[in-house]
Amino acid sequence: MGTMARVGGSGEIQPVSPIAMKIDGVAKVYGATATTPAVRALEPVHLDVRQGEFISCVGPSGCGKTTLLNIVAGLVPATRGQVLLEGTPLNEPSRDIGVMFQSPVLLPWRTVEKNVLLPGEIYGRDPEEIREKARAVLETVGLAEFLTALPGQLSGGMQQRVALARVLTYDPKMLLMDEPFGALDEFTREAMNLELKRIANQSNVTVLFVTHNIAEAVFLADRVVVMSPRPGRVTGVVNVDLGRGRDIELMHDPKFVDLTFDVRRKLKGDSHE
C-alpha cells in the first residue's frame, strides 16, 4: 500500500503511513470451569494501527486491555477474530513484536548488558553479532555506564530502561507495553515518558501502550483508544493532534487539558461534548 496524505489540524499536508497491524474482530471468552461460569472478557475489537503510530489504550480495571495486548502478542489465543501484522496472521509470539510489562522481568544474576542480550541467546543469535547494537541502545536510554551493573544495583526507573533497551535491541516492528511505568514514582514516570516518546519518534517503531493514567495516555499518543467495562469493547477514539515533539510543559496547554477531559468523558460514557 502506498503512502497517502491527510490535512493536519494546522492545515499542513501530512503523510499517512500504511497499516502495520490490523485487529480484526478480536474477542475473548474464558471458558467455564467446575466452579466458575464462562466470562466474556472482550467483545469484538476492530482497530487499524499505522506504521510508526503511537496508540494508547485506556479503560477501567478488568476491561480487557491486558487481554487484548496478550492476544496481539500471541500469548493468549482469541476466541474470535484475528490479528494481522503487515497482512500476516499472528497466532503465536513473533520476533517482530517486543513486549514490555509493568515489571522489568530482569534476571538478578545477569548484568545489564547480559539481560539485554538474553533474547538473542534464546533466538540462537551470536552475542557478538548484536553486542554493538545492544550497547548503542543502552547508550540511547542513558545506561552506557551501567553495562556491568546487576539489576539490584539499579533504581526502578533504570531497571525499566534496561527492559526497554532489551526489546529495542532487536528492532521490533511493533512494541506492546502493559503499564510499564505504573509502579514508578511520578517524577521517574515523567522522565520515562519523555524518553519513550523521544525513542519512539526517533525509531518510528509502532507502539500499543496500555495505561490507567489519562494524562500519560494523551501525552504519549497519536490516538487514545477508550474501552468500556467488561466485556471490553472500544467505545471511542480520541485523536491527539499535538505534534510529535512534546515536553512536560505541554500538560499546561489548554488543548492538552481539553483532550484529557474528552478521554474522561468517553470513559464515563458521556457523549455530550
Protein backbone atom coordinates (compact mmCIF):
# COMPACT_ATOMS: atom_id res chain seq x y z
CA MET A 1 0.00 0.00 0.00
CA GLY A 2 1.43 3.36 -0.90
CA THR A 3 1.71 6.29 1.47
CA MET A 4 -1.23 8.69 1.28
CA ALA A 5 -1.68 12.17 2.74
CA ARG A 6 -4.10 13.96 5.01
CA VAL A 7 -4.62 17.52 6.22
CA GLY A 8 -3.43 18.06 9.79
CA GLY A 9 -5.03 20.23 12.45
CA SER A 10 -2.85 23.19 11.47
CA GLY A 11 -3.75 22.85 7.80
CA GLU A 12 -0.50 21.31 6.60
CA ILE A 13 -0.38 18.18 4.45
CA GLN A 14 0.84 15.20 6.49
CA PRO A 15 1.80 11.74 5.21
CA VAL A 16 -0.39 8.79 6.20
CA SER A 17 1.60 5.61 6.78
CA PRO A 18 0.46 2.15 5.70
CA ILE A 19 -1.33 -0.10 8.18
CA ALA A 20 1.17 -2.03 10.31
CA MET A 21 -1.32 -4.04 12.34
CA LYS A 22 -4.99 -4.90 11.91
CA ILE A 23 -7.00 -6.09 14.91
CA ASP A 24 -9.94 -7.67 13.11
CA GLY A 25 -12.94 -8.53 15.30
CA VAL A 26 -10.86 -9.93 18.15
CA ALA A 27 -12.96 -11.26 21.05
CA LYS A 28 -12.20 -13.42 24.08
CA VAL A 29 -14.37 -15.68 26.24
CA TYR A 30 -12.77 -17.58 29.11
CA GLY A 31 -14.46 -20.98 29.38
CA ALA A 32 -16.46 -22.19 32.34
CA THR A 33 -14.86 -24.41 34.95
CA ALA A 34 -16.35 -26.63 37.64
CA THR A 35 -16.57 -23.64 39.99
CA THR A 36 -16.89 -20.58 37.72
CA PRO A 37 -19.14 -19.64 34.78
CA ALA A 38 -17.81 -18.57 31.40
CA VAL A 39 -16.54 -14.99 31.34
CA ARG A 40 -16.84 -12.69 28.32
CA ALA A 41 -13.64 -10.68 28.71
CA LEU A 42 -13.55 -8.92 25.35
CA GLU A 43 -16.20 -8.01 22.79
CA PRO A 44 -15.08 -7.90 19.12
CA VAL A 45 -12.43 -5.20 18.74
CA HIS A 46 -11.64 -3.64 15.38
CA LEU A 47 -8.59 -1.38 15.14
CA ASP A 48 -6.11 -0.46 12.41
CA VAL A 49 -2.71 0.73 13.64
CA ARG A 50 -0.48 2.56 11.17
CA GLN A 51 3.29 2.23 10.85
CA GLY A 52 5.04 4.47 13.38
CA GLU A 53 1.80 5.32 15.18
CA PHE A 54 1.64 5.51 18.98
CA ILE A 55 -1.69 4.19 20.30
CA SER A 56 -2.61 4.48 23.98
CA CYS A 57 -5.38 2.25 25.32
CA VAL A 58 -7.27 3.29 28.47
CA GLY A 59 -10.18 1.78 30.35
CA PRO A 60 -11.31 0.70 33.83
CA SER A 61 -9.67 -2.19 35.63
CA GLY A 62 -10.76 -5.56 34.27
CA CYS A 63 -11.98 -4.16 30.94
CA GLY A 64 -9.79 -6.44 28.83
CA LYS A 65 -6.92 -4.09 27.95
CA THR A 66 -4.28 -6.58 29.03
CA THR A 67 -6.20 -9.46 27.45
CA LEU A 68 -6.18 -7.59 24.14
CA LEU A 69 -2.46 -6.89 24.48
CA ASN A 70 -1.75 -10.56 25.24
CA ILE A 71 -3.74 -11.66 22.19
CA VAL A 72 -1.82 -9.22 19.99
CA ALA A 73 1.43 -10.55 21.49
CA GLY A 74 0.43 -14.12 20.64
CA LEU A 75 0.46 -15.12 24.31
CA VAL A 76 -3.31 -15.80 24.54
CA PRO A 77 -5.50 -17.19 21.71
CA ALA A 78 -8.51 -15.17 20.59
CA THR A 79 -11.92 -16.82 20.76
CA ARG A 80 -12.94 -14.94 17.62
CA GLY A 81 -11.24 -12.72 15.06
CA GLN A 82 -7.59 -12.39 14.18
CA VAL A 83 -4.57 -10.10 14.40
CA LEU A 84 -2.53 -9.37 11.28
CA LEU A 85 0.97 -7.89 11.26
CA GLU A 86 1.65 -6.37 7.84
CA GLY A 87 -1.05 -8.65 6.45
CA THR A 88 0.23 -11.87 8.05
CA PRO A 89 -1.94 -13.56 10.73
CA LEU A 90 -0.37 -13.75 14.19
CA ASN A 91 -1.10 -16.95 16.09
CA GLU A 92 1.99 -17.16 18.31
CA PRO A 93 4.71 -14.88 19.71
CA SER A 94 6.69 -13.13 16.98
CA ARG A 95 10.24 -11.80 16.93
CA ASP A 96 8.80 -8.75 15.18
CA ILE A 97 6.87 -7.80 18.33
CA GLY A 98 8.56 -6.60 21.51
CA VAL A 99 6.63 -6.82 24.80
CA MET A 100 7.27 -4.77 27.93
CA PHE A 101 5.37 -5.38 31.18
CA GLN A 102 4.88 -3.37 34.38
CA SER A 103 7.67 -5.41 35.96
CA PRO A 104 11.00 -5.23 34.10
CA VAL A 105 11.45 -9.05 34.45
CA LEU A 106 15.24 -8.95 34.69
CA LEU A 107 17.39 -11.90 35.79
CA PRO A 108 19.07 -10.68 39.00
CA TRP A 109 22.29 -12.65 38.46
CA ARG A 110 22.93 -11.26 34.97
CA THR A 111 24.47 -7.87 34.29
CA VAL A 112 22.60 -5.11 32.48
CA GLU A 113 24.33 -5.99 29.21
CA LYS A 114 23.68 -9.73 29.59
CA ASN A 115 20.00 -9.13 30.38
CA VAL A 116 19.69 -7.14 27.16
CA LEU A 117 21.49 -9.87 25.20
CA LEU A 118 19.31 -12.68 26.63
CA PRO A 119 16.62 -12.73 23.87
CA GLY A 120 19.38 -13.08 21.27
CA GLU A 121 20.64 -16.17 23.07
CA ILE A 122 17.10 -17.60 23.10
CA TYR A 123 16.78 -16.85 19.37
CA GLY A 124 20.11 -18.56 18.75
CA ARG A 125 21.91 -15.43 17.58
CA ASP A 126 25.63 -14.85 18.09
CA PRO A 127 26.06 -12.43 21.06
CA GLU A 128 28.94 -10.72 19.29
CA GLU A 129 26.62 -10.02 16.36
CA ILE A 130 24.24 -7.95 18.48
CA ARG A 131 26.50 -6.66 21.25
CA GLU A 132 27.32 -3.44 19.38
CA LYS A 133 23.61 -2.75 18.80
CA ALA A 134 22.81 -3.54 22.45
CA ARG A 135 25.45 -1.11 23.68
CA ALA A 136 24.20 1.58 21.30
CA VAL A 137 20.64 1.16 22.58
CA LEU A 138 21.82 1.21 26.21
CA GLU A 139 23.59 4.48 25.46
CA THR A 140 20.38 5.81 23.92
CA VAL A 141 18.45 5.10 27.15
CA GLY A 142 21.22 6.58 29.30
CA LEU A 143 22.74 3.38 30.69
CA ALA A 144 26.08 3.21 28.89
CA GLU A 145 27.92 3.45 32.24
CA PHE A 146 25.98 0.55 33.78
CA LEU A 147 26.80 -2.35 31.45
CA THR A 148 28.28 -4.46 34.23
CA ALA A 149 25.81 -3.48 36.97
CA LEU A 150 23.35 -6.01 38.35
CA PRO A 151 19.61 -5.22 38.44
CA GLY A 152 19.63 -4.98 42.24
CA GLN A 153 22.06 -2.07 41.97
CA LEU A 154 19.65 -0.04 39.83
CA SER A 155 16.62 2.10 40.63
CA GLY A 156 13.18 1.08 39.39
CA GLY A 157 13.34 3.59 36.57
CA MET A 158 16.76 2.34 35.48
CA GLN A 159 15.52 -1.27 35.51
CA GLN A 160 12.68 -0.28 33.18
CA ARG A 161 15.22 1.40 30.89
CA VAL A 162 17.04 -1.94 30.71
CA ALA A 163 13.77 -3.66 29.82
CA LEU A 164 13.13 -1.05 27.13
CA ALA A 165 16.66 -1.48 25.75
CA ARG A 166 16.16 -5.24 25.69
CA VAL A 167 13.18 -5.04 23.33
CA LEU A 168 14.59 -2.22 21.18
CA THR A 169 17.88 -4.03 20.57
CA TYR A 170 16.12 -6.49 18.28
CA ASP A 171 14.41 -3.81 16.11
CA PRO A 172 10.80 -4.89 16.66
CA LYS A 173 8.24 -3.73 14.12
CA MET A 174 5.80 -3.20 16.99
CA LEU A 175 6.21 -2.55 20.71
CA LEU A 176 3.49 -3.65 23.16
CA MET A 177 3.62 -2.03 26.60
CA ASP A 178 1.39 -3.03 29.53
CA GLU A 179 1.54 -0.21 32.11
CA PRO A 180 5.35 -0.31 32.08
CA PHE A 181 5.73 2.77 34.30
CA GLY A 182 2.80 2.17 36.66
CA ALA A 183 4.98 1.23 39.64
CA LEU A 184 7.32 4.24 39.31
CA ASP A 185 7.14 7.48 41.27
CA GLU A 186 5.67 10.48 39.43
CA PHE A 187 8.96 12.19 38.56
CA THR A 188 10.57 8.98 37.28
CA ARG A 189 7.41 8.19 35.33
CA GLU A 190 7.54 11.61 33.63
CA ALA A 191 11.19 11.08 32.75
CA MET A 192 10.43 7.65 31.27
CA ASN A 193 7.51 9.07 29.27
CA LEU A 194 9.80 11.69 27.76
CA GLU A 195 12.42 9.06 26.99
CA LEU A 196 9.90 6.69 25.42
CA LYS A 197 8.36 9.43 23.28
CA ARG A 198 11.80 10.51 22.07
CA ILE A 199 12.86 6.96 21.21
CA ALA A 200 9.55 6.14 19.51
CA ASN A 201 9.84 9.25 17.34
CA GLN A 202 13.47 8.52 16.52
CA SER A 203 12.99 4.84 15.65
CA ASN A 204 9.50 5.13 14.11
CA VAL A 205 8.51 1.94 15.94
CA THR A 206 4.75 1.28 16.17
CA VAL A 207 3.54 1.26 19.80
CA LEU A 208 0.43 -0.06 21.56
CA PHE A 209 0.55 1.25 25.14
CA VAL A 210 -1.87 0.24 27.91
CA THR A 211 -2.30 2.60 30.88
CA HIS A 212 -4.80 3.72 33.54
CA ASN A 213 -3.34 7.22 33.52
CA ILE A 214 -5.31 9.54 31.22
CA ALA A 215 -2.68 12.31 31.15
CA GLU A 216 0.03 9.76 30.31
CA ALA A 217 -2.14 8.30 27.55
CA VAL A 218 -2.70 11.69 25.92
CA PHE A 219 0.89 12.86 26.37
CA LEU A 220 2.33 9.85 24.57
CA ALA A 221 -0.25 9.02 21.93
CA ASP A 222 -1.21 9.94 18.40
CA ARG A 223 -4.59 8.36 19.23
CA VAL A 224 -6.18 7.27 22.51
CA VAL A 225 -8.46 4.21 22.34
CA VAL A 226 -11.09 4.16 25.10
CA MET A 227 -12.55 0.84 26.30
CA SER A 228 -15.71 0.02 28.25
CA PRO A 229 -16.01 -2.03 31.45
CA ARG A 230 -16.03 -5.83 30.96
CA PRO A 231 -16.77 -7.20 28.50
CA GLY A 232 -14.36 -4.74 26.98
CA ARG A 233 -15.12 -3.01 23.71
CA VAL A 234 -13.87 0.15 22.04
CA THR A 235 -16.27 2.97 22.91
CA GLY A 236 -14.33 5.87 21.44
CA VAL A 237 -11.10 7.08 19.87
CA VAL A 238 -9.55 10.48 20.60
CA ASN A 239 -7.15 11.92 18.03
CA VAL A 240 -4.24 13.73 19.68
CA ASP A 241 -3.08 16.43 17.27
CA LEU A 242 -0.32 17.95 19.43
CA GLY A 243 2.72 17.33 17.22
CA ARG A 244 5.37 14.76 17.99
CA GLY A 245 7.98 16.86 19.80
CA ARG A 246 6.50 17.11 23.31
CA ASP A 247 7.72 18.18 26.74
CA ILE A 248 6.16 18.24 30.20
CA GLU A 249 5.10 21.88 29.78
CA LEU A 250 2.61 20.63 27.19
CA MET A 251 0.43 19.41 30.05
CA HIS A 252 -0.40 23.07 30.84
CA ASP A 253 -1.62 23.71 27.30
CA PRO A 254 -5.42 24.22 27.19
CA LYS A 255 -5.63 21.91 24.17
CA PHE A 256 -3.94 19.13 26.17
CA VAL A 257 -6.35 19.68 29.06
CA ASP A 258 -9.33 19.56 26.67
CA LEU A 259 -8.10 16.26 25.23
CA THR A 260 -7.77 14.68 28.69
CA PHE A 261 -11.33 15.73 29.51
CA ASP A 262 -12.51 14.31 26.18
CA VAL A 263 -10.97 10.95 27.12
CA ARG A 264 -12.50 11.18 30.60
CA ARG A 265 -15.98 11.88 29.16
CA LYS A 266 -15.72 8.87 26.89
CA LEU A 267 -14.63 6.70 29.82
CA LYS A 268 -17.73 7.82 31.72
CA GLY A 269 -19.90 7.09 28.67
CA ASP A 270 -20.90 10.74 28.32
CA SER A 271 -21.46 11.52 24.65
CA HIS A 272 -22.09 15.23 25.25
CA GLU A 273 -19.24 17.47 24.10
